[in-house]
C-alpha cells in the first residue's frame, strides 16, 4: 500500500493526531498482510547546510539532523530507501521526496 500525505491543521498539531493516523494505517496493513510505503517531504532541507537532499536525508537517518517530517516517520519505524529527485514542486524539500517503507 502506498500512503498519501497526512496533514494536520496547524491549530491541532503537536497533539499526536498524525502519529495516531499513521499507527492506524500501519495496523491496517498488518491486519491485511500488505506492505506499506510512502514518500515524504523534507521541509528542513532548505534551512540546512546541505546542497543535496540525499545527503540531508542520510544525515537525518543518522540522527545528525532533525527534519519535521522525516524524523517522526523514522521514529515510527519507517526505513529510509532513498530519494526521488524532482518528485514535487517544493523548494523547502529541494523538490525531492524521501522514500520510506515499513516492515509490517
PDB file of N, CA and C in Angstrom:
ATOM      1  N   UNK A   1       0.852  -1.161   0.000  1.00  0.00           N
ATOM      2  CA  UNK A   1       0.000   0.000   0.000  1.00  0.00           C
ATOM      3  C   UNK A   1       0.901   1.227   0.000  1.00  0.00           C
ATOM      4  N   UNK A   2       0.531   2.220  -0.784  1.00  0.00           N
ATOM      5  CA  UNK A   2       1.247   3.487  -0.831  1.00  0.00           C
ATOM      6  C   UNK A   2       0.424   4.513  -0.069  1.00  0.00           C
ATOM      7  N   UNK A   3       1.029   5.140   0.919  1.00  0.00           N
ATOM      8  CA  UNK A   3       0.329   6.138   1.725  1.00  0.00           C
ATOM      9  C   UNK A   3       0.517   7.529   1.182  1.00  0.00           C
ATOM     10  N   UNK A   4      -0.588   8.220   1.060  1.00  0.00           N
ATOM     11  CA  UNK A   4      -0.566   9.623   0.636  1.00  0.00           C
ATOM     12  C   UNK A   4      -0.386  10.486   1.871  1.00  0.00           C
ATOM     13  N   UNK A   5       0.019  11.716   1.657  1.00  0.00           N
ATOM     14  CA  UNK A   5       0.318  12.640   2.750  1.00  0.00           C
ATOM     15  C   UNK A   5      -0.759  12.691   3.821  1.00  0.00           C
ATOM     16  N   UNK A   6      -0.282  12.838   5.027  1.00  0.00           N
ATOM     17  CA  UNK A   6      -1.153  13.124   6.170  1.00  0.00           C
ATOM     18  C   UNK A   6      -0.798  14.536   6.608  1.00  0.00           C
ATOM     19  N   UNK A   7      -1.803  15.347   6.787  1.00  0.00           N
ATOM     20  CA  UNK A   7      -1.569  16.711   7.232  1.00  0.00           C
ATOM     21  C   UNK A   7      -2.572  17.052   8.318  1.00  0.00           C
ATOM     22  N   UNK A   8      -2.092  17.695   9.351  1.00  0.00           N
ATOM     23  CA  UNK A   8      -2.938  18.099  10.462  1.00  0.00           C
ATOM     24  C   UNK A   8      -2.989  19.622  10.479  1.00  0.00           C
ATOM     25  N   UNK A   9      -4.174  20.165  10.641  1.00  0.00           N
ATOM     26  CA  UNK A   9      -4.357  21.618  10.705  1.00  0.00           C
ATOM     27  C   UNK A   9      -3.423  22.202  11.761  1.00  0.00           C
ATOM     28  N   UNK A  10      -2.779  23.339  11.461  1.00  0.00           N
ATOM     29  CA  UNK A  10      -1.818  23.918  12.411  1.00  0.00           C
ATOM     30  C   UNK A  10      -2.367  24.124  13.831  1.00  0.00           C
ATOM     31  N   UNK A  11      -3.645  24.390  13.967  1.00  0.00           N
ATOM     32  CA  UNK A  11      -4.223  24.598  15.307  1.00  0.00           C
ATOM     33  C   UNK A  11      -4.242  23.323  16.143  1.00  0.00           C
ATOM     34  N   UNK A  12      -4.075  22.167  15.503  1.00  0.00           N
ATOM     35  CA  UNK A  12      -4.183  20.892  16.210  1.00  0.00           C
ATOM     36  C   UNK A  12      -2.893  20.081  16.190  1.00  0.00           C
ATOM     37  N   UNK A  13      -1.811  20.672  15.690  1.00  0.00           N
ATOM     38  CA  UNK A  13      -0.533  19.968  15.647  1.00  0.00           C
ATOM     39  C   UNK A  13       0.046  19.834  17.053  1.00  0.00           C
ATOM     40  N   UNK A  14       0.905  18.846  17.213  1.00  0.00           N
ATOM     41  CA  UNK A  14       1.551  18.632  18.499  1.00  0.00           C
ATOM     42  C   UNK A  14       0.713  17.850  19.493  1.00  0.00           C
ATOM     43  N   UNK A  15      -0.411  17.303  19.029  1.00  0.00           N
ATOM     44  CA  UNK A  15      -1.301  16.550  19.909  1.00  0.00           C
ATOM     45  C   UNK A  15      -1.270  15.048  19.615  1.00  0.00           C
ATOM     46  N   UNK A  16      -0.407  14.638  18.705  1.00  0.00           N
ATOM     47  CA  UNK A  16      -0.297  13.222  18.391  1.00  0.00           C
ATOM     48  C   UNK A  16      -1.301  12.718  17.365  1.00  0.00           C
ATOM     49  N   UNK A  17      -1.988  13.612  16.690  1.00  0.00           N
ATOM     50  CA  UNK A  17      -3.011  13.210  15.724  1.00  0.00           C
ATOM     51  C   UNK A  17      -2.389  12.507  14.521  1.00  0.00           C
ATOM     52  N   UNK A  18      -1.343  13.088  13.944  1.00  0.00           N
ATOM     53  CA  UNK A  18      -0.694  12.460  12.778  1.00  0.00           C
ATOM     54  C   UNK A  18      -0.121  11.102  13.171  1.00  0.00           C
ATOM     55  N   UNK A  19       0.474  11.027  14.347  1.00  0.00           N
ATOM     56  CA  UNK A  19       1.029   9.755  14.820  1.00  0.00           C
ATOM     57  C   UNK A  19      -0.075   8.702  14.923  1.00  0.00           C
ATOM     58  N   UNK A  20      -1.216   9.071  15.465  1.00  0.00           N
ATOM     59  CA  UNK A  20      -2.339   8.138  15.587  1.00  0.00           C
ATOM     60  C   UNK A  20      -2.816   7.676  14.208  1.00  0.00           C
ATOM     61  N   UNK A  21      -2.899   8.601  13.261  1.00  0.00           N
ATOM     62  CA  UNK A  21      -3.324   8.225  11.911  1.00  0.00           C
ATOM     63  C   UNK A  21      -2.332   7.260  11.274  1.00  0.00           C
ATOM     64  N   UNK A  22      -1.026   7.515  11.450  1.00  0.00           N
ATOM     65  CA  UNK A  22      -0.026   6.592  10.911  1.00  0.00           C
ATOM     66  C   UNK A  22      -0.103   5.238  11.592  1.00  0.00           C
ATOM     67  N   UNK A  23      -0.280   5.223  12.901  1.00  0.00           N
ATOM     68  CA  UNK A  23      -0.362   3.951  13.622  1.00  0.00           C
ATOM     69  C   UNK A  23      -1.562   3.131  13.141  1.00  0.00           C
ATOM     70  N   UNK A  24      -2.696   3.787  12.915  1.00  0.00           N
ATOM     71  CA  UNK A  24      -3.883   3.091  12.401  1.00  0.00           C
ATOM     72  C   UNK A  24      -3.628   2.558  10.998  1.00  0.00           C
ATOM     73  N   UNK A  25      -2.957   3.356  10.186  1.00  0.00           N
ATOM     74  CA  UNK A  25      -2.632   2.937   8.819  1.00  0.00           C
ATOM     75  C   UNK A  25      -1.723   1.705   8.838  1.00  0.00           C
ATOM     76  N   UNK A  26      -0.712   1.727   9.693  1.00  0.00           N
ATOM     77  CA  UNK A  26       0.211   0.593   9.787  1.00  0.00           C
ATOM     78  C   UNK A  26      -0.489  -0.647  10.338  1.00  0.00           C
ATOM     79  N   UNK A  27      -1.382  -0.451  11.297  1.00  0.00           N
ATOM     80  CA  UNK A  27      -2.122  -1.594  11.832  1.00  0.00           C
ATOM     81  C   UNK A  27      -3.019  -2.204  10.759  1.00  0.00           C
ATOM     82  N   UNK A  28      -3.641  -1.365   9.951  1.00  0.00           N
ATOM     83  CA  UNK A  28      -4.467  -1.865   8.844  1.00  0.00           C
ATOM     84  C   UNK A  28      -3.613  -2.733   7.907  1.00  0.00           C
ATOM     85  N   UNK A  29      -2.402  -2.252   7.586  1.00  0.00           N
ATOM     86  CA  UNK A  29      -1.513  -3.023   6.703  1.00  0.00           C
ATOM     87  C   UNK A  29      -1.139  -4.362   7.336  1.00  0.00           C
ATOM     88  N   UNK A  30      -0.868  -4.355   8.630  1.00  0.00           N
ATOM     89  CA  UNK A  30      -0.565  -5.622   9.315  1.00  0.00           C
ATOM     90  C   UNK A  30      -1.758  -6.569   9.239  1.00  0.00           C
ATOM     91  N   UNK A  31      -2.936  -6.033   9.536  1.00  0.00           N
ATOM     92  CA  UNK A  31      -4.159  -6.851   9.526  1.00  0.00           C
ATOM     93  C   UNK A  31      -4.438  -7.434   8.143  1.00  0.00           C
ATOM     94  N   UNK A  32      -4.125  -6.673   7.097  1.00  0.00           N
ATOM     95  CA  UNK A  32      -4.385  -7.105   5.721  1.00  0.00           C
ATOM     96  C   UNK A  32      -3.193  -7.835   5.109  1.00  0.00           C
ATOM     97  N   UNK A  33      -2.092  -7.897   5.863  1.00  0.00           N
ATOM     98  CA  UNK A  33      -0.866  -8.547   5.405  1.00  0.00           C
ATOM     99  C   UNK A  33      -0.350  -7.927   4.095  1.00  0.00           C
ATOM    100  N   UNK A  34      -0.289  -6.605   4.073  1.00  0.00           N
ATOM    101  CA  UNK A  34       0.251  -5.890   2.913  1.00  0.00           C
ATOM    102  C   UNK A  34       1.413  -5.012   3.371  1.00  0.00           C
ATOM    103  N   UNK A  35       2.354  -4.799   2.478  1.00  0.00           N
ATOM    104  CA  UNK A  35       3.484  -3.920   2.755  1.00  0.00           C
ATOM    105  C   UNK A  35       3.039  -2.466   2.635  1.00  0.00           C
ATOM    106  N   UNK A  36       3.739  -1.596   3.345  1.00  0.00           N
ATOM    107  CA  UNK A  36       3.385  -0.184   3.327  1.00  0.00           C
ATOM    108  C   UNK A  36       4.602   0.669   3.028  1.00  0.00           C
ATOM    109  N   UNK A  37       4.422   1.658   2.189  1.00  0.00           N
ATOM    110  CA  UNK A  37       5.477   2.606   1.883  1.00  0.00           C
ATOM    111  C   UNK A  37       4.893   3.968   1.564  1.00  0.00           C
ATOM    112  N   UNK A  38       5.732   4.958   1.623  1.00  0.00           N
ATOM    113  CA  UNK A  38       5.309   6.317   1.307  1.00  0.00           C
ATOM    114  C   UNK A  38       6.521   7.120   0.853  1.00  0.00           C
ATOM    115  N   UNK A  39       6.268   8.298   0.353  1.00  0.00           N
ATOM    116  CA  UNK A  39       7.311   9.265   0.028  1.00  0.00           C
ATOM    117  C   UNK A  39       6.955  10.528   0.791  1.00  0.00           C
ATOM    118  N   UNK A  40       7.936  11.063   1.525  1.00  0.00           N
ATOM    119  CA  UNK A  40       7.633  12.237   2.351  1.00  0.00           C
ATOM    120  C   UNK A  40       8.474  13.437   1.937  1.00  0.00           C
ATOM    121  N   UNK A  41       7.986  14.586   2.339  1.00  0.00           N
ATOM    122  CA  UNK A  41       8.692  15.848   2.142  1.00  0.00           C
ATOM    123  C   UNK A  41       9.923  15.896   3.048  1.00  0.00           C
ATOM    124  N   UNK A  42      10.790  16.835   2.758  1.00  0.00           N
ATOM    125  CA  UNK A  42      11.972  17.111   3.571  1.00  0.00           C
ATOM    126  C   UNK A  42      12.021  18.614   3.873  1.00  0.00           C
ATOM    127  N   UNK A  43      11.044  19.129   4.608  1.00  0.00           N
ATOM    128  CA  UNK A  43      10.938  20.580   4.757  1.00  0.00           C
ATOM    129  C   UNK A  43      12.113  21.243   5.474  1.00  0.00           C
ATOM    130  N   UNK A  44      12.908  20.474   6.200  1.00  0.00           N
ATOM    131  CA  UNK A  44      14.065  21.054   6.863  1.00  0.00           C
ATOM    132  C   UNK A  44      15.268  21.237   5.951  1.00  0.00           C
ATOM    133  N   UNK A  45      15.208  20.661   4.759  1.00  0.00           N
ATOM    134  CA  UNK A  45      16.349  20.729   3.836  1.00  0.00           C
ATOM    135  C   UNK A  45      16.730  22.165   3.510  1.00  0.00           C
ATOM    136  N   UNK A  46      15.763  23.018   3.246  1.00  0.00           N
ATOM    137  CA  UNK A  46      16.021  24.386   2.799  1.00  0.00           C
ATOM    138  C   UNK A  46      16.834  25.175   3.821  1.00  0.00           C
ATOM    139  N   UNK A  47      16.652  24.861   5.095  1.00  0.00           N
ATOM    140  CA  UNK A  47      17.363  25.590   6.155  1.00  0.00           C
ATOM    141  C   UNK A  47      18.661  24.899   6.571  1.00  0.00           C
ATOM    142  N   UNK A  48      18.939  23.756   5.967  1.00  0.00           N
ATOM    143  CA  UNK A  48      20.146  23.009   6.331  1.00  0.00           C
ATOM    144  C   UNK A  48      21.350  23.544   5.555  1.00  0.00           C
ATOM    145  N   UNK A  49      22.503  23.038   5.895  1.00  0.00           N
ATOM    146  CA  UNK A  49      23.732  23.420   5.195  1.00  0.00           C
ATOM    147  C   UNK A  49      24.040  22.485   4.027  1.00  0.00           C
ATOM    148  N   UNK A  50      23.139  21.544   3.754  1.00  0.00           N
ATOM    149  CA  UNK A  50      23.370  20.558   2.697  1.00  0.00           C
ATOM    150  C   UNK A  50      22.967  21.106   1.335  1.00  0.00           C
ATOM    151  N   UNK A  51      23.724  20.712   0.310  1.00  0.00           N
ATOM    152  CA  UNK A  51      23.418  21.101  -1.071  1.00  0.00           C
ATOM    153  C   UNK A  51      22.573  20.052  -1.778  1.00  0.00           C
ATOM    154  N   UNK A  52      22.508  18.857  -1.196  1.00  0.00           N
ATOM    155  CA  UNK A  52      21.863  17.723  -1.847  1.00  0.00           C
ATOM    156  C   UNK A  52      20.836  17.093  -0.901  1.00  0.00           C
ATOM    157  N   UNK A  53      19.576  16.935  -1.346  1.00  0.00           N
ATOM    158  CA  UNK A  53      18.561  16.323  -0.491  1.00  0.00           C
ATOM    159  C   UNK A  53      18.920  14.911  -0.023  1.00  0.00           C
ATOM    160  N   UNK A  54      19.627  14.141  -0.857  1.00  0.00           N
ATOM    161  CA  UNK A  54      20.023  12.791  -0.452  1.00  0.00           C
ATOM    162  C   UNK A  54      20.948  12.838   0.754  1.00  0.00           C
ATOM    163  N   UNK A  55      21.963  13.677   0.698  1.00  0.00           N
ATOM    164  CA  UNK A  55      22.901  13.777   1.820  1.00  0.00           C
ATOM    165  C   UNK A  55      22.197  14.275   3.080  1.00  0.00           C
ATOM    166  N   UNK A  56      21.246  15.192   2.903  1.00  0.00           N
ATOM    167  CA  UNK A  56      20.463  15.686   4.036  1.00  0.00           C
ATOM    168  C   UNK A  56      19.641  14.552   4.646  1.00  0.00           C
ATOM    169  N   UNK A  57      18.954  13.790   3.818  1.00  0.00           N
ATOM    170  CA  UNK A  57      18.115  12.691   4.319  1.00  0.00           C
ATOM    171  C   UNK A  57      18.969  11.633   5.021  1.00  0.00           C
ATOM    172  N   UNK A  58      20.143  11.347   4.500  1.00  0.00           N
ATOM    173  CA  UNK A  58      21.035  10.394   5.157  1.00  0.00           C
ATOM    174  C   UNK A  58      21.439  10.926   6.532  1.00  0.00           C
ATOM    175  N   UNK A  59      21.749  12.215   6.622  1.00  0.00           N
ATOM    176  CA  UNK A  59      22.115  12.817   7.914  1.00  0.00           C
ATOM    177  C   UNK A  59      20.952  12.748   8.899  1.00  0.00           C
ATOM    178  N   UNK A  60      19.730  12.927   8.406  1.00  0.00           N
ATOM    179  CA  UNK A  60      18.550  12.796   9.276  1.00  0.00           C
ATOM    180  C   UNK A  60      18.446  11.357   9.765  1.00  0.00           C
ATOM    181  N   UNK A  61      18.625  10.405   8.862  1.00  0.00           N
ATOM    182  CA  UNK A  61      18.569   8.993   9.231  1.00  0.00           C
ATOM    183  C   UNK A  61      19.633   8.604  10.248  1.00  0.00           C
ATOM    184  N   UNK A  62      20.776   9.278  10.201  1.00  0.00           N
ATOM    185  CA  UNK A  62      21.864   9.019  11.154  1.00  0.00           C
ATOM    186  C   UNK A  62      21.722   9.865  12.420  1.00  0.00           C
ATOM    187  N   UNK A  63      20.614  10.592  12.511  1.00  0.00           N
ATOM    188  CA  UNK A  63      20.294  11.456  13.657  1.00  0.00           C
ATOM    189  C   UNK A  63      21.311  12.582  13.846  1.00  0.00           C
ATOM    190  N   UNK A  64      21.936  13.004  12.755  1.00  0.00           N
ATOM    191  CA  UNK A  64      22.837  14.158  12.782  1.00  0.00           C
ATOM    192  C   UNK A  64      22.069  15.444  12.501  1.00  0.00           C
ATOM    193  N   UNK A  65      20.899  15.305  11.881  1.00  0.00           N
ATOM    194  CA  UNK A  65      19.984  16.405  11.580  1.00  0.00           C
ATOM    195  C   UNK A  65      18.590  15.970  12.004  1.00  0.00           C
ATOM    196  N   UNK A  66      17.723  16.945  12.184  1.00  0.00           N
ATOM    197  CA  UNK A  66      16.322  16.669  12.506  1.00  0.00           C
ATOM    198  C   UNK A  66      15.450  17.329  11.453  1.00  0.00           C
ATOM    199  N   UNK A  67      14.510  16.588  10.921  1.00  0.00           N
ATOM    200  CA  UNK A  67      13.570  17.107   9.921  1.00  0.00           C
ATOM    201  C   UNK A  67      12.160  16.981  10.477  1.00  0.00           C
ATOM    202  N   UNK A  68      11.325  18.015  10.305  1.00  0.00           N
ATOM    203  CA  UNK A  68       9.976  17.969  10.875  1.00  0.00           C
ATOM    204  C   UNK A  68       9.084  16.849  10.335  1.00  0.00           C
ATOM    205  N   UNK A  69       9.378  16.333   9.156  1.00  0.00           N
ATOM    206  CA  UNK A  69       8.562  15.258   8.587  1.00  0.00           C
ATOM    207  C   UNK A  69       9.282  13.913   8.631  1.00  0.00           C
ATOM    208  N   UNK A  70      10.495  13.872   8.131  1.00  0.00           N
ATOM    209  CA  UNK A  70      11.214  12.605   8.049  1.00  0.00           C
ATOM    210  C   UNK A  70      11.550  12.027   9.426  1.00  0.00           C
ATOM    211  N   UNK A  71      11.988  12.848  10.354  1.00  0.00           N
ATOM    212  CA  UNK A  71      12.378  12.342  11.676  1.00  0.00           C
ATOM    213  C   UNK A  71      11.243  11.587  12.367  1.00  0.00           C
ATOM    214  N   UNK A  72      10.034  12.162  12.466  1.00  0.00           N
ATOM    215  CA  UNK A  72       8.952  11.410  13.122  1.00  0.00           C
ATOM    216  C   UNK A  72       8.604  10.106  12.405  1.00  0.00           C
ATOM    217  N   UNK A  73       8.677  10.092  11.074  1.00  0.00           N
ATOM    218  CA  UNK A  73       8.355   8.871  10.336  1.00  0.00           C
ATOM    219  C   UNK A  73       9.403   7.785  10.573  1.00  0.00           C
ATOM    220  N   UNK A  74      10.647   8.183  10.713  1.00  0.00           N
ATOM    221  CA  UNK A  74      11.687   7.208  11.050  1.00  0.00           C
ATOM    222  C   UNK A  74      11.462   6.663  12.457  1.00  0.00           C
ATOM    223  N   UNK A  75      11.018   7.528  13.362  1.00  0.00           N
ATOM    224  CA  UNK A  75      10.735   7.078  14.736  1.00  0.00           C
ATOM    225  C   UNK A  75       9.537   6.134  14.789  1.00  0.00           C
ATOM    226  N   UNK A  76       8.669   6.224  13.793  1.00  0.00           N
ATOM    227  CA  UNK A  76       7.523   5.313  13.703  1.00  0.00           C
ATOM    228  C   UNK A  76       7.899   3.995  13.026  1.00  0.00           C
ATOM    229  N   UNK A  77       9.166   3.819  12.725  1.00  0.00           N
ATOM    230  CA  UNK A  77       9.615   2.562  12.139  1.00  0.00           C
ATOM    231  C   UNK A  77       9.855   2.582  10.650  1.00  0.00           C
ATOM    232  N   UNK A  78       9.723   3.754  10.024  1.00  0.00           N
ATOM    233  CA  UNK A  78       9.999   3.848   8.598  1.00  0.00           C
ATOM    234  C   UNK A  78      11.467   3.578   8.315  1.00  0.00           C
ATOM    235  N   UNK A  79      11.731   2.924   7.214  1.00  0.00           N
ATOM    236  CA  UNK A  79      13.099   2.596   6.805  1.00  0.00           C
ATOM    237  C   UNK A  79      13.403   3.399   5.542  1.00  0.00           C
ATOM    238  N   UNK A  80      14.398   4.265   5.643  1.00  0.00           N
ATOM    239  CA  UNK A  80      14.769   5.122   4.523  1.00  0.00           C
ATOM    240  C   UNK A  80      15.297   4.278   3.378  1.00  0.00           C
ATOM    241  N   UNK A  81      14.767   4.517   2.169  1.00  0.00           N
ATOM    242  CA  UNK A  81      15.141   3.741   0.987  1.00  0.00           C
ATOM    243  C   UNK A  81      15.853   4.556  -0.073  1.00  0.00           C
ATOM    244  N   UNK A  82      15.813   5.867   0.039  1.00  0.00           N
ATOM    245  CA  UNK A  82      16.438   6.707  -0.976  1.00  0.00           C
ATOM    246  C   UNK A  82      15.616   7.946  -1.239  1.00  0.00           C
ATOM    247  N   UNK A  83      15.959   8.633  -2.298  1.00  0.00           N
ATOM    248  CA  UNK A  83      15.340   9.907  -2.675  1.00  0.00           C
ATOM    249  C   UNK A  83      14.793   9.804  -4.088  1.00  0.00           C
ATOM    250  N   UNK A  84      13.688  10.457  -4.322  1.00  0.00           N
ATOM    251  CA  UNK A  84      13.198  10.649  -5.687  1.00  0.00           C
ATOM    252  C   UNK A  84      13.425  12.124  -6.024  1.00  0.00           C
ATOM    253  N   UNK A  85      14.402  12.423  -6.895  1.00  0.00           N
ATOM    254  CA  UNK A  85      14.618  13.817  -7.287  1.00  0.00           C
ATOM    255  C   UNK A  85      13.432  14.323  -8.103  1.00  0.00           C
ATOM    256  N   UNK A  86      13.176  15.599  -8.021  1.00  0.00           N
ATOM    257  CA  UNK A  86      12.081  16.233  -8.776  1.00  0.00           C
ATOM    258  C   UNK A  86      10.756  15.525  -8.556  1.00  0.00           C
ATOM    259  N   UNK A  87      10.519  15.075  -7.349  1.00  0.00           N
ATOM    260  CA  UNK A  87       9.278  14.377  -7.007  1.00  0.00           C
ATOM    261  C   UNK A  87       8.089  15.329  -6.972  1.00  0.00           C
ATOM    262  N   UNK A  88       8.321  16.557  -6.531  1.00  0.00           N
ATOM    263  CA  UNK A  88       7.249  17.539  -6.419  1.00  0.00           C
ATOM    264  C   UNK A  88       7.853  18.934  -6.470  1.00  0.00           C
ATOM    265  N   UNK A  89       7.008  19.912  -6.759  1.00  0.00           N
ATOM    266  CA  UNK A  89       7.457  21.301  -6.690  1.00  0.00           C
ATOM    267  C   UNK A  89       7.400  21.721  -5.232  1.00  0.00           C
ATOM    268  N   UNK A  90       8.560  21.718  -4.592  1.00  0.00           N
ATOM    269  CA  UNK A  90       8.639  22.021  -3.171  1.00  0.00           C
ATOM    270  C   UNK A  90      10.052  22.493  -2.867  1.00  0.00           C
ATOM    271  N   UNK A  91      10.252  23.806  -2.894  1.00  0.00           N
ATOM    272  CA  UNK A  91      11.584  24.363  -2.676  1.00  0.00           C
ATOM    273  C   UNK A  91      12.143  23.970  -1.320  1.00  0.00           C
ATOM    274  N   UNK A  92      11.302  23.897  -0.287  1.00  0.00           N
ATOM    275  CA  UNK A  92      11.782  23.523   1.048  1.00  0.00           C
ATOM    276  C   UNK A  92      12.467  22.162   1.031  1.00  0.00           C
ATOM    277  N   UNK A  93      11.945  21.249   0.209  1.00  0.00           N
ATOM    278  CA  UNK A  93      12.467  19.887   0.138  1.00  0.00           C
ATOM    279  C   UNK A  93      13.483  19.700  -0.984  1.00  0.00           C
ATOM    280  N   UNK A  94      13.882  20.779  -1.638  1.00  0.00           N
ATOM    281  CA  UNK A  94      14.767  20.647  -2.793  1.00  0.00           C
ATOM    282  C   UNK A  94      14.086  19.895  -3.916  1.00  0.00           C
ATOM    283  N   UNK A  95      12.757  19.946  -3.939  1.00  0.00           N
ATOM    284  CA  UNK A  95      11.905  19.255  -4.922  1.00  0.00           C
ATOM    285  C   UNK A  95      11.986  17.732  -4.827  1.00  0.00           C
ATOM    286  N   UNK A  96      12.628  17.219  -3.792  1.00  0.00           N
ATOM    287  CA  UNK A  96      12.823  15.773  -3.644  1.00  0.00           C
ATOM    288  C   UNK A  96      11.865  15.193  -2.617  1.00  0.00           C
ATOM    289  N   UNK A  97      11.663  13.904  -2.708  1.00  0.00           N
ATOM    290  CA  UNK A  97      10.883  13.172  -1.710  1.00  0.00           C
ATOM    291  C   UNK A  97      11.701  12.002  -1.193  1.00  0.00           C
ATOM    292  N   UNK A  98      11.570  11.719   0.094  1.00  0.00           N
ATOM    293  CA  UNK A  98      12.284  10.593   0.705  1.00  0.00           C
ATOM    294  C   UNK A  98      11.383   9.360   0.676  1.00  0.00           C
ATOM    295  N   UNK A  99      11.907   8.260   0.167  1.00  0.00           N
ATOM    296  CA  UNK A  99      11.162   7.004   0.075  1.00  0.00           C
ATOM    297  C   UNK A  99      11.317   6.252   1.400  1.00  0.00           C
ATOM    298  N   UNK A 100      10.196   5.831   1.955  1.00  0.00           N
ATOM    299  CA  UNK A 100      10.199   5.060   3.197  1.00  0.00           C
ATOM    300  C   UNK A 100       9.357   3.804   3.035  1.00  0.00           C
ATOM    301  N   UNK A 101       9.784   2.735   3.692  1.00  0.00           N
ATOM    302  CA  UNK A 101       8.951   1.547   3.752  1.00  0.00           C
ATOM    303  C   UNK A 101       8.918   1.066   5.192  1.00  0.00           C
ATOM    304  N   UNK A 102       7.943   0.285   5.504  1.00  0.00           N
ATOM    305  CA  UNK A 102       7.790  -0.312   6.841  1.00  0.00           C
ATOM    306  C   UNK A 102       7.738  -1.818   6.705  1.00  0.00           C
ATOM    307  N   UNK A 103       8.290  -2.510   7.679  1.00  0.00           N
ATOM    308  CA  UNK A 103       8.136  -3.945   7.783  1.00  0.00           C
ATOM    309  C   UNK A 103       6.898  -4.178   8.647  1.00  0.00           C
ATOM    310  N   UNK A 104       5.824  -4.606   8.043  1.00  0.00           N
ATOM    311  CA  UNK A 104       4.579  -4.812   8.814  1.00  0.00           C
ATOM    312  C   UNK A 104       4.258  -6.277   8.937  1.00  0.00           C
TER     313      UNK A 104
END
